[in-house]
Amino acid sequence: PSSHSTTYRVVDRHSSKSPAFYEALMRTFRPMAARPIRPLPTRLTELISTEMYELVITHCKDKATLLACMRVCKAWVPRARFILFSRVICRPSVVIPSGTSASPVSSVVRYRAPDCNREELIYGNADGVHNHSSEKVLLKVKNVSQMEILVEYDLFLCLADGLFCTLPLHRMLSGHANEDDLTVLSEQVHAFDVLQDDMRAQVCIRKGGFRRGIIKIFESRRGVPSEQDAGQTAKSGLHEMKEIFIPNEIRSIRGPRANRGDAQFARSN
């Protein structure tokens, strides 16, 4: 072999080509590195990672975890913020002027006592339940989003800070009631609907979370309740009839029909 280059001699006895041909062929061979794998575009890589952590954030249930996700990474903020906003009770910004100030109102009901022809306006806001005419605080409770008054049953229904509560109407109108007097029947409630007829009043509440829903139906009947429901009815004025689980997110409720006694619900697909 030469000192400057290495020569390979290939001998094939069954080939008609000369050894010089194979020597020239071997000189043309050059070592080649492995072809690198071309990476995906940066935009596509970002989308894949975004979809992965959004699936994780979607399954977060508690508020503290979602708030922590918003602090960890800016890319996590949109999904975490969307889930947090979807769980917030909507309170329209309505203002009822009063003598000294104006309060943002979330719910308004009209009340007329059986022995009085004068109609009163009662409204709720973030501070509690107020009488509009006298500017008197009837009930100190936080974040009132929905109210209903059943005069015939002496019932005051209230949705405050996600809690579905009841209170005797005469106690609430006295102005001496406080948050401790409320009877909490259910938690994490989004809304409720009331239907009355001559013999009973039914209250249908909507609760639940992401992609699941629970409907509870309460009833208050005229007359003496049964022994099984006597304790709960005496305390809250309502007793629970049934609970329905729906594996979808509920967006609206249509109250039970009075002539049939059953309930029909409109929900999302």
Protein backbone atom coordinates (compact mmCIF):
# COMPACT_ATOMS: atom_id res chain seq x y z
CA PRO A 1 0.00 0.00 0.00
CA SER A 2 1.02 3.60 -0.66
CA SER A 3 1.89 5.97 2.15
CA HIS A 4 -0.53 8.60 0.86
CA SER A 5 -3.66 6.53 0.23
CA THR A 6 -5.10 3.12 0.91
CA THR A 7 -5.89 0.94 -2.06
CA TYR A 8 -8.41 -1.89 -1.85
CA ARG A 9 -7.94 -4.79 -4.22
CA VAL A 10 -11.04 -6.81 -5.01
CA VAL A 11 -10.67 -10.06 -6.90
CA ASP A 12 -13.68 -11.83 -8.34
CA ARG A 13 -12.75 -14.94 -10.21
CA HIS A 14 -16.21 -15.26 -11.76
CA SER A 15 -16.29 -11.65 -13.03
CA SER A 16 -15.01 -10.52 -16.37
CA LYS A 17 -14.05 -7.07 -15.06
CA SER A 18 -10.47 -6.34 -14.15
CA PRO A 19 -9.30 -5.59 -10.61
CA ALA A 20 -8.57 -2.01 -11.67
CA PHE A 21 -12.28 -1.45 -12.22
CA TYR A 22 -13.12 -2.38 -8.66
CA GLU A 23 -10.31 -0.28 -7.31
CA ALA A 24 -11.71 2.76 -9.09
CA LEU A 25 -15.19 1.95 -7.85
CA MET A 26 -14.10 1.76 -4.22
CA ARG A 27 -12.39 5.14 -4.45
CA THR A 28 -15.75 6.74 -5.21
CA PHE A 29 -17.27 5.56 -1.91
CA ARG A 30 -17.41 8.22 0.77
CA PRO A 31 -18.66 7.80 4.34
CA MET A 32 -22.04 9.56 4.85
CA ALA A 33 -23.60 10.66 8.11
CA ALA A 34 -27.12 9.58 9.05
CA ARG A 35 -29.81 11.85 7.66
CA PRO A 36 -31.24 14.00 10.47
CA ILE A 37 -34.96 13.88 11.24
CA ARG A 38 -36.63 17.10 10.19
CA PRO A 39 -38.41 18.65 13.20
CA LEU A 40 -42.06 19.67 13.06
CA PRO A 41 -42.88 23.33 12.48
CA THR A 42 -42.72 25.44 15.62
CA ARG A 43 -46.36 26.50 15.33
CA LEU A 44 -47.54 22.88 15.14
CA THR A 45 -45.38 21.90 18.12
CA GLU A 46 -46.94 24.72 20.17
CA LEU A 47 -50.45 23.55 19.30
CA ILE A 48 -49.73 19.98 20.39
CA SER A 49 -48.42 21.09 23.78
CA THR A 50 -51.35 23.49 24.19
CA GLU A 51 -53.89 20.75 23.60
CA MET A 52 -52.15 18.51 26.13
CA TYR A 53 -52.23 20.93 29.04
CA GLU A 54 -55.72 22.16 28.17
CA LEU A 55 -56.98 18.61 28.61
CA VAL A 56 -55.35 18.53 32.05
CA ILE A 57 -56.77 21.92 33.06
CA THR A 58 -60.25 20.90 31.92
CA HIS A 59 -60.31 18.12 34.52
CA CYS A 60 -59.34 20.46 37.38
CA LYS A 61 -62.29 20.78 39.74
CA ASP A 62 -61.32 23.19 42.51
CA LYS A 63 -60.86 26.92 42.20
CA ALA A 64 -57.43 26.99 43.86
CA THR A 65 -55.91 24.69 41.22
CA LEU A 66 -57.30 26.79 38.36
CA LEU A 67 -55.93 29.98 39.91
CA ALA A 68 -52.54 28.31 40.28
CA CYS A 69 -52.62 27.32 36.59
CA MET A 70 -53.09 30.97 35.66
CA ARG A 71 -49.93 31.91 37.58
CA VAL A 72 -47.70 29.13 36.22
CA CYS A 73 -47.70 29.99 32.52
CA LYS A 74 -49.21 32.68 30.32
CA ALA A 75 -50.29 30.07 27.80
CA TRP A 76 -52.39 28.39 30.48
CA VAL A 77 -54.37 31.54 31.27
CA PRO A 78 -57.07 31.42 28.51
CA ARG A 79 -58.37 27.93 29.32
CA ALA A 80 -58.17 28.34 33.10
CA ARG A 81 -59.86 31.74 32.91
CA PHE A 82 -62.62 30.36 30.68
CA ILE A 83 -63.41 27.57 33.17
CA LEU A 84 -63.40 30.00 36.10
CA PHE A 85 -65.74 32.43 34.31
CA SER A 86 -68.09 29.59 33.35
CA ARG A 87 -68.60 28.82 37.04
CA VAL A 88 -69.35 32.41 38.05
CA ILE A 89 -72.98 33.26 38.72
CA CYS A 90 -74.07 35.98 36.32
CA ARG A 91 -75.30 39.08 38.10
CA PRO A 92 -76.64 41.76 35.73
CA SER A 93 -75.59 45.28 36.54
CA VAL A 94 -78.94 46.90 37.28
CA VAL A 95 -79.18 50.03 39.41
CA ILE A 96 -82.19 51.04 41.49
CA PRO A 97 -81.84 54.62 42.71
CA SER A 98 -82.50 55.31 46.37
CA GLY A 99 -82.48 58.37 48.55
CA THR A 100 -78.83 58.27 49.53
CA SER A 101 -77.08 55.83 47.20
CA ALA A 102 -77.51 53.47 44.29
CA SER A 103 -76.91 49.73 44.70
CA PRO A 104 -76.18 47.23 41.91
CA VAL A 105 -79.09 44.81 41.92
CA SER A 106 -79.00 41.15 40.90
CA SER A 107 -82.60 40.09 41.67
CA VAL A 108 -85.93 41.86 42.20
CA VAL A 109 -89.27 40.49 43.45
CA ARG A 110 -92.59 42.17 44.09
CA TYR A 111 -94.45 41.37 47.29
CA ARG A 112 -98.00 42.09 48.37
CA ALA A 113 -99.21 40.89 51.74
CA PRO A 114 -102.69 39.31 51.89
CA ASP A 115 -103.92 41.96 54.35
CA CYS A 116 -102.35 44.89 52.53
CA ASN A 117 -103.10 46.39 49.13
CA ARG A 118 -99.73 48.09 48.89
CA GLU A 119 -97.12 46.39 46.74
CA GLU A 120 -93.56 46.31 48.02
CA LEU A 121 -90.39 45.96 45.97
CA ILE A 122 -87.66 43.77 47.43
CA TYR A 123 -84.26 43.51 45.79
CA GLY A 124 -81.06 41.61 46.45
CA ASN A 125 -77.45 42.48 45.80
CA ALA A 126 -73.99 41.58 47.06
CA ASP A 127 -74.78 42.91 50.55
CA GLY A 128 -78.13 41.24 51.22
CA VAL A 129 -81.89 41.66 50.76
CA HIS A 130 -83.35 45.17 50.92
CA ASN A 131 -86.76 46.85 50.98
CA HIS A 132 -86.78 49.48 48.27
CA SER A 133 -89.41 51.80 49.74
CA SER A 134 -88.04 51.97 53.28
CA GLU A 135 -84.38 51.35 52.34
CA LYS A 136 -84.29 48.79 55.15
CA VAL A 137 -81.94 45.82 55.16
CA LEU A 138 -84.21 42.80 55.60
CA LEU A 139 -81.54 40.10 55.51
CA LYS A 140 -77.77 40.33 55.62
CA VAL A 141 -76.42 37.65 53.29
CA LYS A 142 -73.67 37.71 50.68
CA ASN A 143 -74.05 37.65 46.90
CA VAL A 144 -77.79 37.27 46.38
CA SER A 145 -78.35 36.22 42.77
CA GLN A 146 -81.98 35.00 42.79
CA MET A 147 -85.02 35.33 45.07
CA GLU A 148 -88.62 34.16 45.16
CA ILE A 149 -91.48 34.75 47.59
CA LEU A 150 -94.32 32.27 48.20
CA VAL A 151 -96.86 34.18 50.27
CA GLU A 152 -99.33 31.30 50.56
CA TYR A 153 -96.66 29.05 52.06
CA ASP A 154 -94.92 31.73 54.15
CA LEU A 155 -91.69 30.96 52.31
CA PHE A 156 -88.78 33.07 51.16
CA LEU A 157 -86.44 31.32 48.69
CA CYS A 158 -82.98 32.68 48.10
CA LEU A 159 -79.89 31.76 46.08
CA ALA A 160 -76.92 33.39 47.80
CA ASP A 161 -73.31 32.68 46.92
CA GLY A 162 -74.29 29.38 45.29
CA LEU A 163 -76.35 28.19 48.30
CA PHE A 164 -80.06 27.47 47.92
CA CYS A 165 -81.67 28.64 51.16
CA THR A 166 -85.14 29.05 52.65
CA LEU A 167 -86.50 31.24 55.41
CA PRO A 168 -89.98 31.86 56.83
CA LEU A 169 -91.35 34.92 55.07
CA HIS A 170 -92.61 36.61 58.24
CA ARG A 171 -89.17 36.24 59.80
CA MET A 172 -87.48 37.84 56.81
CA LEU A 173 -89.95 40.75 56.63
CA SER A 174 -89.44 41.52 60.31
CA GLY A 175 -85.93 42.76 59.55
CA HIS A 176 -84.39 40.82 62.44
CA ALA A 177 -83.25 37.78 60.43
CA ASN A 178 -79.61 37.08 59.77
CA GLU A 179 -77.55 34.56 57.84
CA ASP A 180 -77.72 32.01 60.67
CA ASP A 181 -81.52 31.81 60.35
CA LEU A 182 -81.33 30.49 56.78
CA THR A 183 -81.86 26.79 56.10
CA VAL A 184 -79.42 25.61 53.42
CA LEU A 185 -80.96 22.86 51.28
CA SER A 186 -78.29 22.51 48.59
CA GLU A 187 -74.86 23.82 47.61
CA GLN A 188 -73.26 24.79 44.29
CA VAL A 189 -76.63 25.71 42.79
CA HIS A 190 -76.71 27.75 39.59
CA ALA A 191 -80.42 28.60 39.38
CA PHE A 192 -83.89 27.51 40.48
CA ASP A 193 -87.40 27.64 39.05
CA VAL A 194 -90.74 27.76 40.89
CA LEU A 195 -94.19 26.62 39.76
CA GLN A 196 -97.35 26.88 41.85
CA ASP A 197 -100.84 25.50 41.59
CA ASP A 198 -103.79 25.35 43.98
CA MET A 199 -102.39 22.53 46.10
CA ARG A 200 -98.61 22.67 45.96
CA ALA A 201 -95.49 24.57 44.97
CA GLN A 202 -92.55 22.83 43.32
CA VAL A 203 -89.01 24.17 43.25
CA CYS A 204 -86.55 22.79 40.70
CA ILE A 205 -82.89 23.62 41.25
CA ARG A 206 -79.99 23.18 38.83
CA LYS A 207 -76.51 22.33 40.02
CA GLY A 208 -73.44 20.52 38.79
CA GLY A 209 -70.11 21.15 37.11
CA PHE A 210 -68.34 20.70 33.81
CA ARG A 211 -70.13 18.17 31.56
CA ARG A 212 -72.43 16.94 34.30
CA GLY A 213 -75.63 18.15 35.88
CA ILE A 214 -77.84 17.42 38.84
CA ILE A 215 -81.48 18.43 39.14
CA LYS A 216 -83.29 18.39 42.47
CA ILE A 217 -87.03 18.88 42.89
CA PHE A 218 -88.47 20.15 46.16
CA GLU A 219 -92.14 20.43 47.02
CA SER A 220 -94.24 22.26 49.57
CA ARG A 221 -97.82 21.08 50.05
CA ARG A 222 -100.70 22.70 51.81
CA GLY A 223 -101.79 20.94 54.95
CA VAL A 224 -99.96 18.59 57.31
CA PRO A 225 -96.87 16.81 55.87
CA SER A 226 -96.25 13.11 56.29
CA GLU A 227 -94.27 11.74 59.23
CA GLN A 228 -91.27 11.05 57.01
CA ASP A 229 -91.09 14.64 55.76
CA ALA A 230 -92.41 16.37 58.86
CA GLY A 231 -88.96 17.25 60.25
CA GLN A 232 -87.53 18.72 57.09
CA THR A 233 -90.75 20.47 56.10
CA ALA A 234 -91.13 22.06 59.52
CA LYS A 235 -87.56 23.37 59.34
CA SER A 236 -87.36 24.57 55.74
CA GLY A 237 -90.91 24.54 54.39
CA LEU A 238 -89.80 22.23 51.56
CA HIS A 239 -89.09 18.52 51.28
CA GLU A 240 -87.04 16.87 48.58
CA MET A 241 -88.99 14.74 46.12
CA LYS A 242 -86.36 13.44 43.71
CA GLU A 243 -82.84 13.92 42.43
CA ILE A 244 -81.90 13.43 38.78
CA PHE A 245 -78.35 13.07 37.43
CA ILE A 246 -77.69 14.06 33.81
CA PRO A 247 -74.25 13.33 32.29
CA ASN A 248 -74.30 16.59 30.34
CA GLU A 249 -74.00 20.24 31.16
CA ILE A 250 -77.44 21.73 31.92
CA ARG A 251 -78.03 25.19 30.49
CA SER A 252 -81.73 25.75 31.07
CA ILE A 253 -84.66 24.38 33.04
CA ARG A 254 -88.33 24.37 32.22
CA GLY A 255 -90.54 24.03 35.26
CA PRO A 256 -92.83 21.07 35.98
CA ARG A 257 -96.28 21.09 34.41
CA ALA A 258 -99.10 21.52 36.85
CA ASN A 259 -101.59 19.28 35.03
CA ARG A 260 -99.23 16.32 34.71
CA GLY A 261 -97.07 16.66 37.79
CA ASP A 262 -93.87 15.69 36.00
CA ALA A 263 -90.92 17.79 34.94
CA GLN A 264 -89.45 18.51 31.55
CA PHE A 265 -85.95 19.88 31.24
CA ALA A 266 -84.13 21.51 28.35
CA ARG A 267 -80.44 20.72 28.40
CA SER A 268 -77.48 20.95 26.09
CA ASN A 269 -76.38 18.09 23.89
